[in-house]
Amino acid sequence: MDERRINILKESEAEISRLQLLSAFFQEETVYKIYLRSRVIHQLFANNEELDIDKLELFHIQFTASLIELLRKIKKSNEKNVTLIYDEIQLNKELMDKVGSSVYTEKSFNLDKQKQSLKINLSLRKLFEVLSDHTEQFPFAKNINTFSARYARDFYHDISTEQLGTLIEFTPDEVYIDVHASIERKLMGLLCKQDFKTEFFYGLKSGQLIVEVYKFIDLDRYFLFFPSRNLFLFCDLEQLRGVDLDNNLSEKDRLVQELAYKNDKLESSAATAKTYIPLEIIKLLEENYIKISDIDFLNHLNNFDVQANILKMMLKTDLF
């Protein structure tokens, strides 16, 4: 075997190996079929010394080299796009970590709810004493509004101005009105009967105004505390239809969930983008595969430069 033939076969093997790596990367059926067909063509020349080895070299020059260059350009473009996607994923993760490390977590909210319930119960018991003794003593526990100031933004449910107005509406004759607080008469009666055993149920907000709703521990009855007026009234949950009270996620928790969901979609998008080949190029490769699969294509190899030129034109497009 002459040295030129050996060198051409050696270079042919190298080209096919490069094409094999690209077919493995893209996982595109047409590219893989072209790789297999190129391997068959190489083997045909390797096993038949009577064939003109220059035709194998011409095949790689006209077709394989251009195809490899095209696929490499697509791969580089895809990797740039994927880098941008992963940059966004990383930024989302950093934001998730920042939000997740916030001082006011769901765990601290649940713990502080119990403390707030105790403050309200003590305040109501004291208010009963003040009303009974006709004194002007301040009934509220220390820092009773700290809880809502801390958690309202993230954990309280939004309601409309109209809903807020309906909730805090009352008939003056049915309310004890003290210099420091006002409470519905029947509510105070039920509180005394139940020994002031209530628990924080959920918080509501309408703009800057907030309402805290409490539940009697042993009864399916509710009342509200409106801090802006130090007002206590029975609360009918039917008035809150349309408010998503089952969603206990804070705004921060919802943000973390949304970012996590977005990152899952971005991860999937990155996997797809990494190996994406424009449809126009896939169609061209399918045509090329048909041509090189033709048993007589070697006899028309000189005409194959038309397809090669199309491949080279693709290298100059803005498809990727």
Protein backbone atom coordinates (compact mmCIF):
# COMPACT_ATOMS: atom_id res chain seq x y z
CA MET A 1 0.00 0.00 0.00
CA ASP A 2 1.52 3.32 -1.02
CA GLU A 3 2.14 6.07 1.51
CA ARG A 4 -0.43 8.46 -0.01
CA ARG A 5 -3.17 5.88 0.34
CA ILE A 6 -2.15 5.23 3.95
CA ASN A 7 -2.25 8.95 4.77
CA ILE A 8 -5.64 9.47 3.14
CA LEU A 9 -7.13 6.51 5.03
CA LYS A 10 -5.56 7.77 8.26
CA GLU A 11 -7.02 11.27 7.75
CA SER A 12 -10.35 9.72 6.75
CA GLU A 13 -10.41 7.78 10.01
CA ALA A 14 -9.68 10.99 11.94
CA GLU A 15 -12.50 12.87 10.18
CA ILE A 16 -14.96 10.09 10.88
CA SER A 17 -13.91 9.99 14.55
CA ARG A 18 -14.58 13.73 14.80
CA LEU A 19 -17.98 13.19 13.20
CA GLN A 20 -18.68 10.36 15.64
CA LEU A 21 -18.05 12.63 18.63
CA LEU A 22 -20.43 15.22 17.22
CA SER A 23 -23.11 12.64 16.52
CA ALA A 24 -22.80 11.44 20.12
CA PHE A 25 -23.10 15.02 21.36
CA PHE A 26 -26.17 16.00 19.33
CA GLN A 27 -27.99 12.66 19.58
CA GLU A 28 -29.67 13.53 16.27
CA GLU A 29 -30.70 10.51 14.21
CA THR A 30 -29.75 11.99 10.83
CA VAL A 31 -26.27 12.98 12.02
CA TYR A 32 -25.73 9.49 13.42
CA LYS A 33 -26.90 7.89 10.17
CA ILE A 34 -24.48 10.09 8.20
CA TYR A 35 -21.69 9.05 10.54
CA LEU A 36 -22.51 5.36 10.02
CA ARG A 37 -22.71 5.81 6.25
CA SER A 38 -19.38 7.66 6.26
CA ARG A 39 -17.88 4.76 8.18
CA VAL A 40 -19.19 2.34 5.54
CA ILE A 41 -17.71 4.48 2.74
CA HIS A 42 -14.36 4.58 4.51
CA GLN A 43 -14.38 0.81 4.96
CA LEU A 44 -15.26 0.38 1.30
CA PHE A 45 -12.06 2.15 0.26
CA ALA A 46 -9.99 0.49 2.98
CA ASN A 47 -11.02 -2.98 1.80
CA ASN A 48 -10.77 -2.32 -1.94
CA GLU A 49 -7.40 -1.06 -3.08
CA GLU A 50 -8.57 -0.91 -6.68
CA LEU A 51 -10.88 2.02 -5.81
CA ASP A 52 -9.55 5.49 -6.47
CA ILE A 53 -8.47 6.67 -3.04
CA ASP A 54 -8.65 10.28 -4.22
CA LYS A 55 -12.43 9.95 -4.31
CA LEU A 56 -12.46 9.22 -0.58
CA GLU A 57 -10.35 12.31 0.04
CA LEU A 58 -12.67 14.34 -2.21
CA PHE A 59 -15.71 13.06 -0.32
CA HIS A 60 -14.31 14.27 2.98
CA ILE A 61 -13.17 17.60 1.54
CA GLN A 62 -16.50 18.29 -0.12
CA PHE A 63 -18.81 16.95 2.53
CA THR A 64 -17.43 15.69 5.86
CA ALA A 65 -15.18 18.68 6.59
CA SER A 66 -17.98 21.18 5.89
CA LEU A 67 -20.44 19.15 7.94
CA ILE A 68 -18.05 18.99 10.90
CA GLU A 69 -17.41 22.72 10.71
CA LEU A 70 -21.14 23.40 10.57
CA LEU A 71 -21.91 21.15 13.54
CA ARG A 72 -19.10 22.70 15.54
CA LYS A 73 -20.48 26.17 14.85
CA ILE A 74 -23.95 25.05 16.00
CA LYS A 75 -22.43 23.45 19.11
CA LYS A 76 -20.53 26.63 19.99
CA SER A 77 -23.64 28.75 19.50
CA ASN A 78 -25.72 26.36 21.60
CA GLU A 79 -23.14 26.35 24.39
CA LYS A 80 -23.24 30.14 24.49
CA ASN A 81 -27.03 30.05 24.83
CA VAL A 82 -26.83 27.36 27.48
CA THR A 83 -24.31 29.42 29.44
CA LEU A 84 -26.82 32.27 29.56
CA ILE A 85 -29.49 29.85 30.80
CA TYR A 86 -27.22 28.51 33.54
CA ASP A 87 -26.29 32.05 34.53
CA GLU A 88 -29.99 32.74 35.06
CA ILE A 89 -30.37 29.50 37.03
CA GLN A 90 -27.48 30.51 39.28
CA LEU A 91 -28.94 33.97 39.88
CA ASN A 92 -32.26 32.35 40.80
CA LYS A 93 -30.49 30.00 43.22
CA GLU A 94 -28.70 32.92 44.88
CA LEU A 95 -32.02 34.74 45.27
CA MET A 96 -33.63 31.59 46.69
CA ASP A 97 -30.80 31.26 49.23
CA LYS A 98 -31.12 34.93 50.16
CA VAL A 99 -34.88 34.70 50.63
CA GLY A 100 -34.63 31.35 52.39
CA SER A 101 -32.18 32.74 54.93
CA SER A 102 -34.56 35.53 55.89
CA VAL A 103 -34.99 36.02 59.62
CA TYR A 104 -38.77 35.70 59.44
CA THR A 105 -39.31 32.16 58.27
CA GLU A 106 -42.45 30.04 58.37
CA LYS A 107 -41.04 28.26 61.43
CA SER A 108 -40.62 31.51 63.38
CA PHE A 109 -44.08 32.63 62.24
CA ASN A 110 -45.70 29.48 63.66
CA LEU A 111 -43.82 29.87 66.94
CA ASP A 112 -44.71 33.55 67.29
CA LYS A 113 -48.39 32.83 66.54
CA GLN A 114 -48.60 31.06 69.88
CA LYS A 115 -47.02 34.04 71.67
CA GLN A 116 -49.39 36.43 69.93
CA SER A 117 -52.40 34.30 70.93
CA LEU A 118 -51.26 34.45 74.54
CA LYS A 119 -50.90 38.26 74.35
CA ILE A 120 -54.39 38.64 72.89
CA ASN A 121 -55.95 36.33 75.48
CA LEU A 122 -54.25 38.20 78.32
CA SER A 123 -55.28 41.55 76.82
CA LEU A 124 -58.91 40.44 76.48
CA ARG A 125 -58.97 39.15 80.06
CA LYS A 126 -57.56 42.48 81.22
CA LEU A 127 -60.09 44.37 79.05
CA PHE A 128 -62.89 42.45 80.78
CA GLU A 129 -61.54 43.55 84.16
CA VAL A 130 -61.25 47.17 82.99
CA LEU A 131 -64.84 47.17 81.70
CA SER A 132 -66.12 45.47 84.83
CA ASP A 133 -64.31 47.86 87.19
CA HIS A 134 -64.99 50.95 85.04
CA THR A 135 -61.33 51.95 85.07
CA GLU A 136 -59.25 53.57 82.37
CA GLN A 137 -56.31 51.21 82.77
CA PHE A 138 -54.55 50.24 79.52
CA PRO A 139 -55.51 46.61 78.84
CA PHE A 140 -53.16 45.55 76.04
CA ALA A 141 -50.09 43.40 76.52
CA LYS A 142 -46.71 44.91 75.72
CA ASN A 143 -45.70 44.98 72.03
CA ILE A 144 -49.00 43.47 70.92
CA ASN A 145 -48.62 44.98 67.42
CA THR A 146 -45.07 43.71 66.85
CA PHE A 147 -46.36 40.43 65.47
CA SER A 148 -48.35 41.99 62.63
CA ALA A 149 -45.59 44.51 61.87
CA ARG A 150 -43.17 41.63 61.49
CA TYR A 151 -45.25 39.09 59.58
CA ALA A 152 -48.09 40.89 57.77
CA ARG A 153 -46.16 41.49 54.57
CA ASP A 154 -45.22 37.85 54.05
CA PHE A 155 -47.89 35.82 55.83
CA TYR A 156 -51.14 37.80 55.87
CA HIS A 157 -53.74 37.30 53.15
CA ASP A 158 -54.81 40.17 50.91
CA ILE A 159 -58.41 41.38 51.05
CA SER A 160 -60.17 44.24 49.29
CA THR A 161 -61.08 47.56 50.89
CA GLU A 162 -64.75 46.56 50.57
CA GLN A 163 -64.15 43.28 52.41
CA LEU A 164 -62.29 45.11 55.16
CA GLY A 165 -65.16 47.59 55.49
CA THR A 166 -67.68 44.76 55.83
CA LEU A 167 -65.58 42.96 58.44
CA ILE A 168 -65.20 45.95 60.79
CA GLU A 169 -68.75 47.25 60.43
CA PHE A 170 -70.74 47.18 63.68
CA THR A 171 -73.77 48.58 65.48
CA PRO A 172 -72.62 50.90 68.32
CA ASP A 173 -75.37 49.71 70.69
CA GLU A 174 -73.98 46.16 70.47
CA VAL A 175 -70.43 47.12 71.43
CA TYR A 176 -68.66 47.98 74.68
CA ILE A 177 -66.69 51.13 73.96
CA ASP A 178 -63.78 51.90 76.26
CA VAL A 179 -61.25 54.71 76.05
CA HIS A 180 -58.63 52.16 74.92
CA ALA A 181 -60.65 49.49 73.09
CA SER A 182 -64.04 48.46 71.73
CA ILE A 183 -65.46 44.94 71.84
CA GLU A 184 -68.74 43.36 70.78
CA ARG A 185 -70.84 42.63 73.87
CA LYS A 186 -71.76 39.05 72.89
CA LEU A 187 -68.13 38.37 71.99
CA MET A 188 -67.00 39.38 75.47
CA GLY A 189 -69.68 37.13 76.93
CA LEU A 190 -68.47 34.14 74.91
CA LEU A 191 -64.85 34.89 75.78
CA CYS A 192 -65.71 34.79 79.49
CA LYS A 193 -67.64 31.56 79.04
CA GLN A 194 -64.71 29.94 77.18
CA ASP A 195 -62.18 31.31 79.71
CA PHE A 196 -60.45 33.40 77.02
CA LYS A 197 -59.04 30.34 75.28
CA THR A 198 -58.43 31.34 71.69
CA GLU A 199 -55.72 30.91 69.09
CA PHE A 200 -54.43 32.93 66.14
CA PHE A 201 -56.14 31.69 62.97
CA TYR A 202 -54.80 33.91 60.18
CA GLY A 203 -53.98 37.47 59.29
CA LEU A 204 -55.55 39.73 56.67
CA LYS A 205 -54.29 42.92 55.07
CA SER A 206 -55.76 45.63 52.90
CA GLY A 207 -53.06 48.08 51.92
CA GLN A 208 -51.44 49.21 55.19
CA LEU A 209 -54.39 48.13 57.32
CA ILE A 210 -54.35 44.70 58.93
CA VAL A 211 -56.84 42.42 60.67
CA GLU A 212 -56.02 39.42 62.84
CA VAL A 213 -58.58 36.61 63.02
CA TYR A 214 -58.73 34.35 66.08
CA LYS A 215 -60.57 31.09 66.69
CA PHE A 216 -62.06 29.75 69.91
CA ILE A 217 -60.13 26.62 70.74
CA ASP A 218 -63.15 24.50 71.58
CA LEU A 219 -65.68 26.14 69.24
CA ASP A 220 -66.04 26.74 65.53
CA ARG A 221 -66.41 30.47 66.18
CA TYR A 222 -64.12 33.30 65.14
CA PHE A 223 -63.47 36.93 66.01
CA LEU A 224 -61.22 39.64 64.66
CA PHE A 225 -58.86 42.18 66.13
CA PHE A 226 -58.51 45.42 64.17
CA PRO A 227 -55.40 47.11 65.69
CA SER A 228 -55.98 50.48 64.02
CA ARG A 229 -59.06 50.96 66.20
CA ASN A 230 -58.32 48.40 68.92
CA LEU A 231 -61.59 46.79 67.86
CA PHE A 232 -62.80 43.24 68.59
CA LEU A 233 -65.77 41.80 66.67
CA PHE A 234 -67.20 38.42 65.74
CA CYS A 235 -65.95 37.33 62.33
CA ASP A 236 -68.09 35.45 59.81
CA LEU A 237 -65.80 33.52 57.45
CA GLU A 238 -68.52 33.67 54.79
CA GLN A 239 -67.58 37.31 54.35
CA LEU A 240 -64.16 36.18 53.13
CA ARG A 241 -65.30 34.13 50.16
CA GLY A 242 -62.80 34.45 47.33
CA VAL A 243 -59.82 34.86 49.65
CA ASP A 244 -57.38 31.94 49.32
CA LEU A 245 -57.19 31.12 53.01
CA ASP A 246 -55.93 27.60 52.34
CA ASN A 247 -52.68 28.93 50.90
CA ASN A 248 -50.45 29.25 53.93
CA LEU A 249 -47.31 30.04 51.97
CA SER A 250 -45.73 33.39 52.65
CA GLU A 251 -44.80 35.69 49.79
CA LYS A 252 -41.20 34.61 50.29
CA ASP A 253 -42.13 30.93 50.25
CA ARG A 254 -44.16 31.47 47.09
CA LEU A 255 -41.22 33.28 45.51
CA VAL A 256 -38.90 30.39 46.35
CA GLN A 257 -41.41 27.92 44.89
CA GLU A 258 -41.78 29.98 41.71
CA LEU A 259 -38.01 30.28 41.31
CA ALA A 260 -37.55 26.54 41.89
CA TYR A 261 -40.22 25.79 39.27
CA LYS A 262 -38.61 28.25 36.87
CA ASN A 263 -35.21 26.64 37.39
CA ASP A 264 -36.65 23.21 36.64
CA LYS A 265 -37.98 24.56 33.35
CA LEU A 266 -34.66 26.28 32.62
CA GLU A 267 -32.75 23.05 33.31
CA SER A 268 -35.00 21.24 30.85
CA SER A 269 -34.61 24.08 28.36
CA ALA A 270 -30.82 23.98 28.73
CA ALA A 271 -30.74 20.25 28.00
CA THR A 272 -32.76 20.84 24.83
CA ALA A 273 -30.85 23.94 23.76
CA LYS A 274 -27.50 22.21 24.17
CA THR A 275 -28.17 19.77 21.33
CA TYR A 276 -30.56 21.84 19.23
CA ILE A 277 -30.08 21.76 15.44
CA PRO A 278 -32.22 24.11 13.31
CA LEU A 279 -34.88 22.33 11.28
CA GLU A 280 -33.53 23.79 8.01
CA ILE A 281 -30.19 22.12 8.63
CA ILE A 282 -31.75 18.79 9.62
CA LYS A 283 -33.68 18.78 6.34
CA LEU A 284 -30.47 19.52 4.42
CA LEU A 285 -28.66 16.70 6.24
CA GLU A 286 -31.49 14.32 5.42
CA GLU A 287 -31.06 15.18 1.74
CA ASN A 288 -27.33 14.65 2.04
CA TYR A 289 -27.82 11.30 3.70
CA ILE A 290 -30.06 10.16 0.85
CA LYS A 291 -27.38 11.16 -1.65
CA ILE A 292 -24.47 9.42 0.09
CA SER A 293 -26.65 6.34 0.61
CA ASP A 294 -27.08 6.01 -3.15
CA ILE A 295 -25.05 3.01 -4.29
CA ASP A 296 -23.83 4.96 -7.32
CA PHE A 297 -22.99 8.19 -5.55
CA LEU A 298 -19.22 7.66 -5.90
CA ASN A 299 -19.66 7.71 -9.66
CA HIS A 300 -21.21 11.16 -9.35
CA LEU A 301 -18.92 12.47 -6.67
CA ASN A 302 -17.84 15.40 -8.81
CA ASN A 303 -21.42 16.65 -8.70
CA PHE A 304 -21.56 16.45 -4.92
CA ASP A 305 -19.95 19.85 -4.60
CA VAL A 306 -23.43 21.39 -4.99
CA GLN A 307 -24.42 19.93 -1.62
CA ALA A 308 -21.06 20.93 -0.19
CA ASN A 309 -21.64 24.50 -1.25
CA ILE A 310 -25.03 24.50 0.45
CA LEU A 311 -23.39 23.32 3.65
CA LYS A 312 -20.83 26.10 3.40
CA MET A 313 -23.62 28.63 2.82
CA MET A 314 -25.28 27.39 5.98
CA LEU A 315 -22.12 28.35 7.87
CA LYS A 316 -22.78 31.97 6.96
CA THR A 317 -26.45 32.07 7.99
CA ASP A 318 -28.01 33.51 11.16
CA LEU A 319 -29.90 30.35 11.99
CA PHE A 320 -27.83 29.88 15.14
